[in-house]
Every structure is written in C-alpha cells, then in structure tokens.
PDB file of N, CA and C in Angstrom:
ATOM      1  N   UNK A   1       0.842  -1.188   0.000  1.00  0.00           N
ATOM      2  CA  UNK A   1       0.000   0.000   0.000  1.00  0.00           C
ATOM      3  C   UNK A   1       0.882   1.245   0.000  1.00  0.00           C
ATOM      4  N   UNK A   2       0.496   2.236  -0.760  1.00  0.00           N
ATOM      5  CA  UNK A   2       1.256   3.472  -0.878  1.00  0.00           C
ATOM      6  C   UNK A   2       1.020   4.355   0.349  1.00  0.00           C
ATOM      7  N   UNK A   3       2.109   4.945   0.865  1.00  0.00           N
ATOM      8  CA  UNK A   3       1.989   5.822   2.029  1.00  0.00           C
ATOM      9  C   UNK A   3       1.881   7.289   1.621  1.00  0.00           C
ATOM     10  N   UNK A   4       1.872   7.570   0.325  1.00  0.00           N
ATOM     11  CA  UNK A   4       1.790   8.948  -0.151  1.00  0.00           C
ATOM     12  C   UNK A   4       0.401   9.519   0.148  1.00  0.00           C
ATOM     13  N   UNK A   5       0.381  10.758   0.597  1.00  0.00           N
ATOM     14  CA  UNK A   5      -0.866  11.437   0.920  1.00  0.00           C
ATOM     15  C   UNK A   5      -1.577  11.850  -0.364  1.00  0.00           C
ATOM     16  N   UNK A   6      -2.870  11.583  -0.450  1.00  0.00           N
ATOM     17  CA  UNK A   6      -3.686  11.991  -1.579  1.00  0.00           C
ATOM     18  C   UNK A   6      -4.583  13.137  -1.134  1.00  0.00           C
ATOM     19  N   UNK A   7      -4.949  14.001  -2.091  1.00  0.00           N
ATOM     20  CA  UNK A   7      -5.760  15.177  -1.789  1.00  0.00           C
ATOM     21  C   UNK A   7      -6.930  15.267  -2.755  1.00  0.00           C
ATOM     22  N   UNK A   8      -8.025  15.849  -2.269  1.00  0.00           N
ATOM     23  CA  UNK A   8      -9.114  16.266  -3.133  1.00  0.00           C
ATOM     24  C   UNK A   8      -8.815  17.695  -3.555  1.00  0.00           C
ATOM     25  N   UNK A   9      -8.834  17.946  -4.854  1.00  0.00           N
ATOM     26  CA  UNK A   9      -8.733  19.309  -5.375  1.00  0.00           C
ATOM     27  C   UNK A   9     -10.159  19.732  -5.690  1.00  0.00           C
ATOM     28  N   UNK A  10     -10.680  20.684  -4.925  1.00  0.00           N
ATOM     29  CA  UNK A  10     -12.085  21.078  -5.017  1.00  0.00           C
ATOM     30  C   UNK A  10     -12.160  22.504  -5.551  1.00  0.00           C
ATOM     31  N   UNK A  11     -12.856  22.691  -6.664  1.00  0.00           N
ATOM     32  CA  UNK A  11     -13.009  24.002  -7.283  1.00  0.00           C
ATOM     33  C   UNK A  11     -14.489  24.358  -7.312  1.00  0.00           C
ATOM     34  N   UNK A  12     -14.831  25.522  -6.805  1.00  0.00           N
ATOM     35  CA  UNK A  12     -16.219  25.989  -6.807  1.00  0.00           C
ATOM     36  C   UNK A  12     -16.570  26.489  -8.205  1.00  0.00           C
ATOM     37  N   UNK A  13     -17.549  25.861  -8.831  1.00  0.00           N
ATOM     38  CA  UNK A  13     -17.960  26.233 -10.184  1.00  0.00           C
ATOM     39  C   UNK A  13     -19.217  27.101 -10.192  1.00  0.00           C
ATOM     40  N   UNK A  14     -20.102  26.857  -9.244  1.00  0.00           N
ATOM     41  CA  UNK A  14     -21.360  27.599  -9.195  1.00  0.00           C
ATOM     42  C   UNK A  14     -21.548  28.189  -7.813  1.00  0.00           C
ATOM     43  N   UNK A  15     -22.135  29.353  -7.748  1.00  0.00           N
ATOM     44  CA  UNK A  15     -22.364  30.023  -6.482  1.00  0.00           C
ATOM     45  C   UNK A  15     -23.530  29.384  -5.731  1.00  0.00           C
ATOM     46  N   UNK A  16     -23.520  29.521  -4.414  1.00  0.00           N
ATOM     47  CA  UNK A  16     -24.597  28.985  -3.579  1.00  0.00           C
ATOM     48  C   UNK A  16     -25.640  30.053  -3.255  1.00  0.00           C
ATOM     49  N   UNK A  17     -25.565  31.207  -3.907  1.00  0.00           N
ATOM     50  CA  UNK A  17     -26.531  32.274  -3.659  1.00  0.00           C
ATOM     51  C   UNK A  17     -27.924  31.775  -4.041  1.00  0.00           C
ATOM     52  N   UNK A  18     -28.874  31.952  -3.126  1.00  0.00           N
ATOM     53  CA  UNK A  18     -30.247  31.527  -3.366  1.00  0.00           C
ATOM     54  C   UNK A  18     -30.516  30.088  -2.981  1.00  0.00           C
ATOM     55  N   UNK A  19     -29.488  29.355  -2.571  1.00  0.00           N
ATOM     56  CA  UNK A  19     -29.671  27.976  -2.138  1.00  0.00           C
ATOM     57  C   UNK A  19     -29.843  27.947  -0.625  1.00  0.00           C
ATOM     58  N   UNK A  20     -30.307  26.830  -0.070  1.00  0.00           N
ATOM     59  CA  UNK A  20     -30.505  26.756   1.381  1.00  0.00           C
ATOM     60  C   UNK A  20     -29.225  27.065   2.158  1.00  0.00           C
ATOM     61  N   UNK A  21     -29.398  27.567   3.373  1.00  0.00           N
ATOM     62  CA  UNK A  21     -28.267  27.926   4.215  1.00  0.00           C
ATOM     63  C   UNK A  21     -27.338  26.760   4.501  1.00  0.00           C
ATOM     64  N   UNK A  22     -27.893  25.561   4.548  1.00  0.00           N
ATOM     65  CA  UNK A  22     -27.077  24.369   4.799  1.00  0.00           C
ATOM     66  C   UNK A  22     -25.999  24.223   3.730  1.00  0.00           C
ATOM     67  N   UNK A  23     -26.350  24.506   2.481  1.00  0.00           N
ATOM     68  CA  UNK A  23     -25.395  24.411   1.380  1.00  0.00           C
ATOM     69  C   UNK A  23     -24.269  25.414   1.551  1.00  0.00           C
ATOM     70  N   UNK A  24     -24.600  26.628   1.909  1.00  0.00           N
ATOM     71  CA  UNK A  24     -23.576  27.659   2.130  1.00  0.00           C
ATOM     72  C   UNK A  24     -22.660  27.281   3.286  1.00  0.00           C
ATOM     73  N   UNK A  25     -23.234  26.692   4.341  1.00  0.00           N
ATOM     74  CA  UNK A  25     -22.424  26.281   5.487  1.00  0.00           C
ATOM     75  C   UNK A  25     -21.474  25.148   5.135  1.00  0.00           C
ATOM     76  N   UNK A  26     -21.909  24.229   4.289  1.00  0.00           N
ATOM     77  CA  UNK A  26     -21.040  23.131   3.858  1.00  0.00           C
ATOM     78  C   UNK A  26     -19.887  23.678   3.023  1.00  0.00           C
ATOM     79  N   UNK A  27     -20.196  24.607   2.107  1.00  0.00           N
ATOM     80  CA  UNK A  27     -19.134  25.220   1.305  1.00  0.00           C
ATOM     81  C   UNK A  27     -18.147  25.974   2.191  1.00  0.00           C
ATOM     82  N   UNK A  28     -18.659  26.683   3.198  1.00  0.00           N
ATOM     83  CA  UNK A  28     -17.777  27.409   4.118  1.00  0.00           C
ATOM     84  C   UNK A  28     -16.897  26.432   4.897  1.00  0.00           C
ATOM     85  N   UNK A  29     -17.445  25.292   5.290  1.00  0.00           N
ATOM     86  CA  UNK A  29     -16.663  24.285   6.006  1.00  0.00           C
ATOM     87  C   UNK A  29     -15.547  23.730   5.117  1.00  0.00           C
ATOM     88  N   UNK A  30     -15.792  23.678   3.815  1.00  0.00           N
ATOM     89  CA  UNK A  30     -14.760  23.227   2.875  1.00  0.00           C
ATOM     90  C   UNK A  30     -13.758  24.327   2.561  1.00  0.00           C
ATOM     91  N   UNK A  31     -14.058  25.561   2.954  1.00  0.00           N
ATOM     92  CA  UNK A  31     -13.152  26.680   2.683  1.00  0.00           C
ATOM     93  C   UNK A  31     -13.497  27.438   1.419  1.00  0.00           C
ATOM     94  N   UNK A  32     -14.693  27.221   0.895  1.00  0.00           N
ATOM     95  CA  UNK A  32     -15.151  27.897  -0.323  1.00  0.00           C
ATOM     96  C   UNK A  32     -16.234  28.898   0.066  1.00  0.00           C
ATOM     97  N   UNK A  33     -15.947  30.194  -0.047  1.00  0.00           N
ATOM     98  CA  UNK A  33     -16.860  31.224   0.431  1.00  0.00           C
ATOM     99  C   UNK A  33     -17.439  32.041  -0.718  1.00  0.00           C
ATOM    100  N   UNK A  34     -18.282  31.418  -1.546  1.00  0.00           N
ATOM    101  CA  UNK A  34     -19.014  32.096  -2.620  1.00  0.00           C
ATOM    102  C   UNK A  34     -18.133  32.884  -3.584  1.00  0.00           C
ATOM    103  N   UNK A  35     -16.937  32.450  -3.825  1.00  0.00           N
ATOM    104  CA  UNK A  35     -16.115  33.062  -4.861  1.00  0.00           C
ATOM    105  C   UNK A  35     -15.838  31.980  -5.895  1.00  0.00           C
ATOM    106  N   UNK A  36     -16.434  32.146  -7.041  1.00  0.00           N
ATOM    107  CA  UNK A  36     -16.325  31.121  -8.071  1.00  0.00           C
ATOM    108  C   UNK A  36     -14.882  30.923  -8.516  1.00  0.00           C
ATOM    109  N   UNK A  37     -14.593  29.706  -8.943  1.00  0.00           N
ATOM    110  CA  UNK A  37     -13.291  29.257  -9.443  1.00  0.00           C
ATOM    111  C   UNK A  37     -12.209  29.275  -8.362  1.00  0.00           C
ATOM    112  N   UNK A  38     -12.587  29.365  -7.105  1.00  0.00           N
ATOM    113  CA  UNK A  38     -11.648  29.239  -5.996  1.00  0.00           C
ATOM    114  C   UNK A  38     -11.347  27.746  -5.821  1.00  0.00           C
ATOM    115  N   UNK A  39     -10.097  27.413  -5.610  1.00  0.00           N
ATOM    116  CA  UNK A  39      -9.675  26.019  -5.457  1.00  0.00           C
ATOM    117  C   UNK A  39      -9.070  25.815  -4.077  1.00  0.00           C
ATOM    118  N   UNK A  40      -9.483  24.729  -3.418  1.00  0.00           N
ATOM    119  CA  UNK A  40      -8.920  24.348  -2.132  1.00  0.00           C
ATOM    120  C   UNK A  40      -8.524  22.877  -2.197  1.00  0.00           C
ATOM    121  N   UNK A  41      -7.630  22.489  -1.296  1.00  0.00           N
ATOM    122  CA  UNK A  41      -7.176  21.109  -1.211  1.00  0.00           C
ATOM    123  C   UNK A  41      -7.493  20.570   0.171  1.00  0.00           C
ATOM    124  N   UNK A  42      -8.002  19.334   0.215  1.00  0.00           N
ATOM    125  CA  UNK A  42      -8.272  18.649   1.471  1.00  0.00           C
ATOM    126  C   UNK A  42      -7.759  17.223   1.353  1.00  0.00           C
ATOM    127  N   UNK A  43      -7.174  16.686   2.427  1.00  0.00           N
ATOM    128  CA  UNK A  43      -6.753  15.283   2.394  1.00  0.00           C
ATOM    129  C   UNK A  43      -7.956  14.373   2.150  1.00  0.00           C
ATOM    130  N   UNK A  44      -7.730  13.291   1.457  1.00  0.00           N
ATOM    131  CA  UNK A  44      -8.805  12.343   1.174  1.00  0.00           C
ATOM    132  C   UNK A  44      -9.235  11.693   2.486  1.00  0.00           C
ATOM    133  N   UNK A  45     -10.520  11.853   2.803  1.00  0.00           N
ATOM    134  CA  UNK A  45     -11.093  11.234   3.998  1.00  0.00           C
ATOM    135  C   UNK A  45     -12.593  11.065   3.773  1.00  0.00           C
ATOM    136  N   UNK A  46     -13.210  10.139   4.511  1.00  0.00           N
ATOM    137  CA  UNK A  46     -14.659   9.954   4.358  1.00  0.00           C
ATOM    138  C   UNK A  46     -15.464  11.196   4.736  1.00  0.00           C
ATOM    139  N   UNK A  47     -15.001  11.965   5.723  1.00  0.00           N
ATOM    140  CA  UNK A  47     -15.731  13.176   6.137  1.00  0.00           C
ATOM    141  C   UNK A  47     -15.782  14.201   5.008  1.00  0.00           C
ATOM    142  N   UNK A  48     -14.628  14.438   4.397  1.00  0.00           N
ATOM    143  CA  UNK A  48     -14.566  15.413   3.303  1.00  0.00           C
ATOM    144  C   UNK A  48     -15.362  14.895   2.106  1.00  0.00           C
ATOM    145  N   UNK A  49     -15.286  13.597   1.844  1.00  0.00           N
ATOM    146  CA  UNK A  49     -16.041  13.014   0.728  1.00  0.00           C
ATOM    147  C   UNK A  49     -17.542  13.210   0.933  1.00  0.00           C
ATOM    148  N   UNK A  50     -18.012  13.104   2.169  1.00  0.00           N
ATOM    149  CA  UNK A  50     -19.429  13.328   2.459  1.00  0.00           C
ATOM    150  C   UNK A  50     -19.832  14.769   2.220  1.00  0.00           C
ATOM    151  N   UNK A  51     -18.974  15.709   2.602  1.00  0.00           N
ATOM    152  CA  UNK A  51     -19.266  17.118   2.359  1.00  0.00           C
ATOM    153  C   UNK A  51     -19.301  17.410   0.866  1.00  0.00           C
ATOM    154  N   UNK A  52     -18.354  16.835   0.129  1.00  0.00           N
ATOM    155  CA  UNK A  52     -18.329  17.035  -1.322  1.00  0.00           C
ATOM    156  C   UNK A  52     -19.593  16.477  -1.958  1.00  0.00           C
ATOM    157  N   UNK A  53     -20.015  15.305  -1.501  1.00  0.00           N
ATOM    158  CA  UNK A  53     -21.215  14.676  -2.058  1.00  0.00           C
ATOM    159  C   UNK A  53     -22.446  15.556  -1.848  1.00  0.00           C
ATOM    160  N   UNK A  54     -22.484  16.296  -0.729  1.00  0.00           N
ATOM    161  CA  UNK A  54     -23.637  17.156  -0.435  1.00  0.00           C
ATOM    162  C   UNK A  54     -23.719  18.362  -1.366  1.00  0.00           C
ATOM    163  N   UNK A  55     -22.596  18.777  -1.957  1.00  0.00           N
ATOM    164  CA  UNK A  55     -22.584  19.951  -2.843  1.00  0.00           C
ATOM    165  C   UNK A  55     -22.019  19.586  -4.222  1.00  0.00           C
ATOM    166  N   UNK A  56     -22.201  18.366  -4.631  1.00  0.00           N
ATOM    167  CA  UNK A  56     -21.567  17.864  -5.862  1.00  0.00           C
ATOM    168  C   UNK A  56     -21.977  18.627  -7.121  1.00  0.00           C
ATOM    169  N   UNK A  57     -23.147  19.266  -7.116  1.00  0.00           N
ATOM    170  CA  UNK A  57     -23.599  20.009  -8.292  1.00  0.00           C
ATOM    171  C   UNK A  57     -22.883  21.345  -8.431  1.00  0.00           C
ATOM    172  N   UNK A  58     -22.243  21.821  -7.366  1.00  0.00           N
ATOM    173  CA  UNK A  58     -21.631  23.145  -7.366  1.00  0.00           C
ATOM    174  C   UNK A  58     -20.121  23.117  -7.551  1.00  0.00           C
ATOM    175  N   UNK A  59     -19.505  21.951  -7.395  1.00  0.00           N
ATOM    176  CA  UNK A  59     -18.046  21.874  -7.375  1.00  0.00           C
ATOM    177  C   UNK A  59     -17.519  20.882  -8.405  1.00  0.00           C
ATOM    178  N   UNK A  60     -16.234  21.064  -8.734  1.00  0.00           N
ATOM    179  CA  UNK A  60     -15.496  20.110  -9.551  1.00  0.00           C
ATOM    180  C   UNK A  60     -14.443  19.499  -8.634  1.00  0.00           C
ATOM    181  N   UNK A  61     -14.330  18.175  -8.640  1.00  0.00           N
ATOM    182  CA  UNK A  61     -13.421  17.491  -7.724  1.00  0.00           C
ATOM    183  C   UNK A  61     -12.490  16.593  -8.508  1.00  0.00           C
ATOM    184  N   UNK A  62     -11.207  16.658  -8.160  1.00  0.00           N
ATOM    185  CA  UNK A  62     -10.201  15.761  -8.713  1.00  0.00           C
ATOM    186  C   UNK A  62      -9.373  15.240  -7.563  1.00  0.00           C
ATOM    187  N   UNK A  63      -8.892  14.022  -7.679  1.00  0.00           N
ATOM    188  CA  UNK A  63      -7.996  13.470  -6.667  1.00  0.00           C
ATOM    189  C   UNK A  63      -6.575  13.612  -7.191  1.00  0.00           C
ATOM    190  N   UNK A  64      -5.708  14.284  -6.425  1.00  0.00           N
ATOM    191  CA  UNK A  64      -4.347  14.582  -6.871  1.00  0.00           C
ATOM    192  C   UNK A  64      -3.344  14.091  -5.833  1.00  0.00           C
ATOM    193  N   UNK A  65      -2.061  14.020  -6.249  1.00  0.00           N
ATOM    194  CA  UNK A  65      -0.996  13.528  -5.382  1.00  0.00           C
ATOM    195  C   UNK A  65      -0.482  14.568  -4.407  1.00  0.00           C
ATOM    196  N   UNK A  66      -0.527  15.841  -4.792  1.00  0.00           N
ATOM    197  CA  UNK A  66       0.001  16.881  -3.914  1.00  0.00           C
ATOM    198  C   UNK A  66      -0.852  18.134  -4.008  1.00  0.00           C
ATOM    199  N   UNK A  67      -0.866  18.882  -2.910  1.00  0.00           N
ATOM    200  CA  UNK A  67      -1.601  20.143  -2.867  1.00  0.00           C
ATOM    201  C   UNK A  67      -0.697  21.241  -3.410  1.00  0.00           C
ATOM    202  N   UNK A  68      -1.245  22.095  -4.256  1.00  0.00           N
ATOM    203  CA  UNK A  68      -0.496  23.214  -4.808  1.00  0.00           C
ATOM    204  C   UNK A  68      -0.764  24.473  -3.990  1.00  0.00           C
ATOM    205  N   UNK A  69       0.210  25.347  -3.936  1.00  0.00           N
ATOM    206  CA  UNK A  69       0.023  26.628  -3.263  1.00  0.00           C
ATOM    207  C   UNK A  69      -0.759  27.569  -4.179  1.00  0.00           C
ATOM    208  N   UNK A  70      -1.214  28.690  -3.635  1.00  0.00           N
ATOM    209  CA  UNK A  70      -1.939  29.671  -4.441  1.00  0.00           C
ATOM    210  C   UNK A  70      -1.051  30.210  -5.562  1.00  0.00           C
ATOM    211  N   UNK A  71       0.238  30.401  -5.281  1.00  0.00           N
ATOM    212  CA  UNK A  71       1.176  30.890  -6.293  1.00  0.00           C
ATOM    213  C   UNK A  71       1.313  29.883  -7.435  1.00  0.00           C
ATOM    214  N   UNK A  72       1.407  28.594  -7.113  1.00  0.00           N
ATOM    215  CA  UNK A  72       1.527  27.568  -8.143  1.00  0.00           C
ATOM    216  C   UNK A  72       0.253  27.482  -8.983  1.00  0.00           C
ATOM    217  N   UNK A  73      -0.902  27.624  -8.352  1.00  0.00           N
ATOM    218  CA  UNK A  73      -2.162  27.631  -9.096  1.00  0.00           C
ATOM    219  C   UNK A  73      -2.224  28.814 -10.049  1.00  0.00           C
ATOM    220  N   UNK A  74      -1.768  29.992  -9.588  1.00  0.00           N
ATOM    221  CA  UNK A  74      -1.766  31.183 -10.426  1.00  0.00           C
ATOM    222  C   UNK A  74      -0.885  30.981 -11.648  1.00  0.00           C
ATOM    223  N   UNK A  75       0.274  30.359 -11.467  1.00  0.00           N
ATOM    224  CA  UNK A  75       1.182  30.102 -12.584  1.00  0.00           C
ATOM    225  C   UNK A  75       0.565  29.127 -13.588  1.00  0.00           C
ATOM    226  N   UNK A  76      -0.179  28.141 -13.107  1.00  0.00           N
ATOM    227  CA  UNK A  76      -0.830  27.194 -14.010  1.00  0.00           C
ATOM    228  C   UNK A  76      -1.907  27.854 -14.852  1.00  0.00           C
ATOM    229  N   UNK A  77      -2.584  28.855 -14.283  1.00  0.00           N
ATOM    230  CA  UNK A  77      -3.662  29.540 -15.001  1.00  0.00           C
ATOM    231  C   UNK A  77      -3.166  30.605 -15.956  1.00  0.00           C
ATOM    232  N   UNK A  78      -1.915  31.023 -15.808  1.00  0.00           N
ATOM    233  CA  UNK A  78      -1.383  32.098 -16.643  1.00  0.00           C
ATOM    234  C   UNK A  78      -1.381  31.665 -18.108  1.00  0.00           C
ATOM    235  N   UNK A  79      -1.951  32.461 -18.983  1.00  0.00           N
ATOM    236  CA  UNK A  79      -1.991  32.080 -20.404  1.00  0.00           C
ATOM    237  C   UNK A  79      -0.609  32.154 -21.041  1.00  0.00           C
ATOM    238  N   UNK A  80      -0.467  31.465 -22.151  1.00  0.00           N
ATOM    239  CA  UNK A  80       0.766  31.492 -22.916  1.00  0.00           C
ATOM    240  C   UNK A  80       0.989  32.908 -23.438  1.00  0.00           C
ATOM    241  N   UNK A  81       2.246  33.313 -23.605  1.00  0.00           N
ATOM    242  CA  UNK A  81       2.562  34.664 -24.063  1.00  0.00           C
ATOM    243  C   UNK A  81       2.021  34.945 -25.460  1.00  0.00           C
ATOM    244  N   UNK A  82       1.865  33.912 -26.256  1.00  0.00           N
ATOM    245  CA  UNK A  82       1.349  34.100 -27.607  1.00  0.00           C
ATOM    246  C   UNK A  82       2.463  34.267 -28.626  1.00  0.00           C
ATOM    247  N   UNK A  83       3.712  34.278 -28.158  1.00  0.00           N
ATOM    248  CA  UNK A  83       4.848  34.409 -29.065  1.00  0.00           C
ATOM    249  C   UNK A  83       6.039  33.728 -28.417  1.00  0.00           C
ATOM    250  N   UNK A  84       7.034  33.406 -29.225  1.00  0.00           N
ATOM    251  CA  UNK A  84       8.271  32.845 -28.696  1.00  0.00           C
ATOM    252  C   UNK A  84       9.406  33.224 -29.633  1.00  0.00           C
ATOM    253  N   UNK A  85      10.623  33.200 -29.130  1.00  0.00           N
ATOM    254  CA  UNK A  85      11.791  33.555 -29.922  1.00  0.00           C
ATOM    255  C   UNK A  85      12.299  32.289 -30.601  1.00  0.00           C
ATOM    256  N   UNK A  86      12.246  32.275 -31.927  1.00  0.00           N
ATOM    257  CA  UNK A  86      12.713  31.111 -32.670  1.00  0.00           C
ATOM    258  C   UNK A  86      14.240  31.121 -32.739  1.00  0.00           C
ATOM    259  N   UNK A  87      14.802  32.253 -33.119  1.00  0.00           N
ATOM    260  CA  UNK A  87      16.250  32.435 -33.090  1.00  0.00           C
ATOM    261  C   UNK A  87      16.529  33.932 -33.102  1.00  0.00           C
ATOM    262  N   UNK A  88      17.637  34.300 -32.566  1.00  0.00           N
ATOM    263  CA  UNK A  88      17.979  35.716 -32.482  1.00  0.00           C
ATOM    264  C   UNK A  88      18.659  36.150 -33.775  1.00  0.00           C
ATOM    265  N   UNK A  89      18.440  37.412 -34.143  1.00  0.00           N
ATOM    266  CA  UNK A  89      19.091  37.979 -35.324  1.00  0.00           C
ATOM    267  C   UNK A  89      20.571  38.193 -35.015  1.00  0.00           C
ATOM    268  N   UNK A  90      21.402  38.055 -35.999  1.00  0.00           N
ATOM    269  CA  UNK A  90      22.845  38.275 -35.825  1.00  0.00           C
ATOM    270  C   UNK A  90      23.098  39.742 -35.543  1.00  0.00           C
ATOM    271  N   UNK A  91      23.914  40.013 -34.552  1.00  0.00           N
ATOM    272  CA  UNK A  91      24.227  41.395 -34.182  1.00  0.00           C
ATOM    273  C   UNK A  91      25.382  41.942 -35.007  1.00  0.00           C
ATOM    274  N   UNK A  92      25.387  43.250 -35.257  1.00  0.00           N
ATOM    275  CA  UNK A  92      26.483  43.898 -35.959  1.00  0.00           C
ATOM    276  C   UNK A  92      26.557  43.585 -37.439  1.00  0.00           C
ATOM    277  N   UNK A  93      25.515  43.050 -37.966  1.00  0.00           N
ATOM    278  CA  UNK A  93      25.483  42.686 -39.376  1.00  0.00           C
ATOM    279  C   UNK A  93      25.012  43.868 -40.198  1.00  0.00           C
ATOM    280  N   UNK A  94      25.757  44.215 -41.212  1.00  0.00           N
ATOM    281  CA  UNK A  94      25.327  45.303 -42.084  1.00  0.00           C
ATOM    282  C   UNK A  94      25.059  44.745 -43.482  1.00  0.00           C
ATOM    283  N   UNK A  95      24.123  45.289 -44.124  1.00  0.00           N
ATOM    284  CA  UNK A  95      23.706  44.742 -45.390  1.00  0.00           C
ATOM    285  C   UNK A  95      24.011  45.571 -46.509  1.00  0.00           C
TER     286      UNK A  95
END
C-alpha cells in the first residue's frame, strides 16, 4: 500500500446564492466562500467526501498527489505569451 498522501482538489464552479443555508455552510466548512473558481485542497477522507457529495452540483473534484500553493495555481492559469523567440538575429550585421 502506498503511504503517499492523496488530496481532493475542489473548485467551486457555481455560487450557492439563493440555495438553502445548509449548502452555504457546507461550502464554508470546505473553505469555499461564494467566490467562483476558488480552489482548495483537502486530504482524502470519508468526512470530506461526504461534504463534497452534499454539494456535488456546485463543485469540480479531482484526486491529486500533492496540494499546490496559491502561487503555483496562479502560474498554471497564466496564459501562454502568444509568441516565442525562434532564433535571435545576428548582431552587428550590415547589409
């Protein structure tokens, strides 16, 4: 059996505005406070799985090997520059 810690990566996709208070409290317990696309990590456990199941329509869940920091998540979301340097022009060249 592997001793590596596994995590749930939970991303809030839909807001709980207008839903019963119980739903908002479950999201708050998970660390998601009505800000869409916020991502949190929780160790895999039956308690967390039960909370996720209660709000499964509002969140996206993936099981991952390691939790990422907010800085690492920001870097993953950063779009590509849209350009790259293929090769540099020769310097001091006159034509």
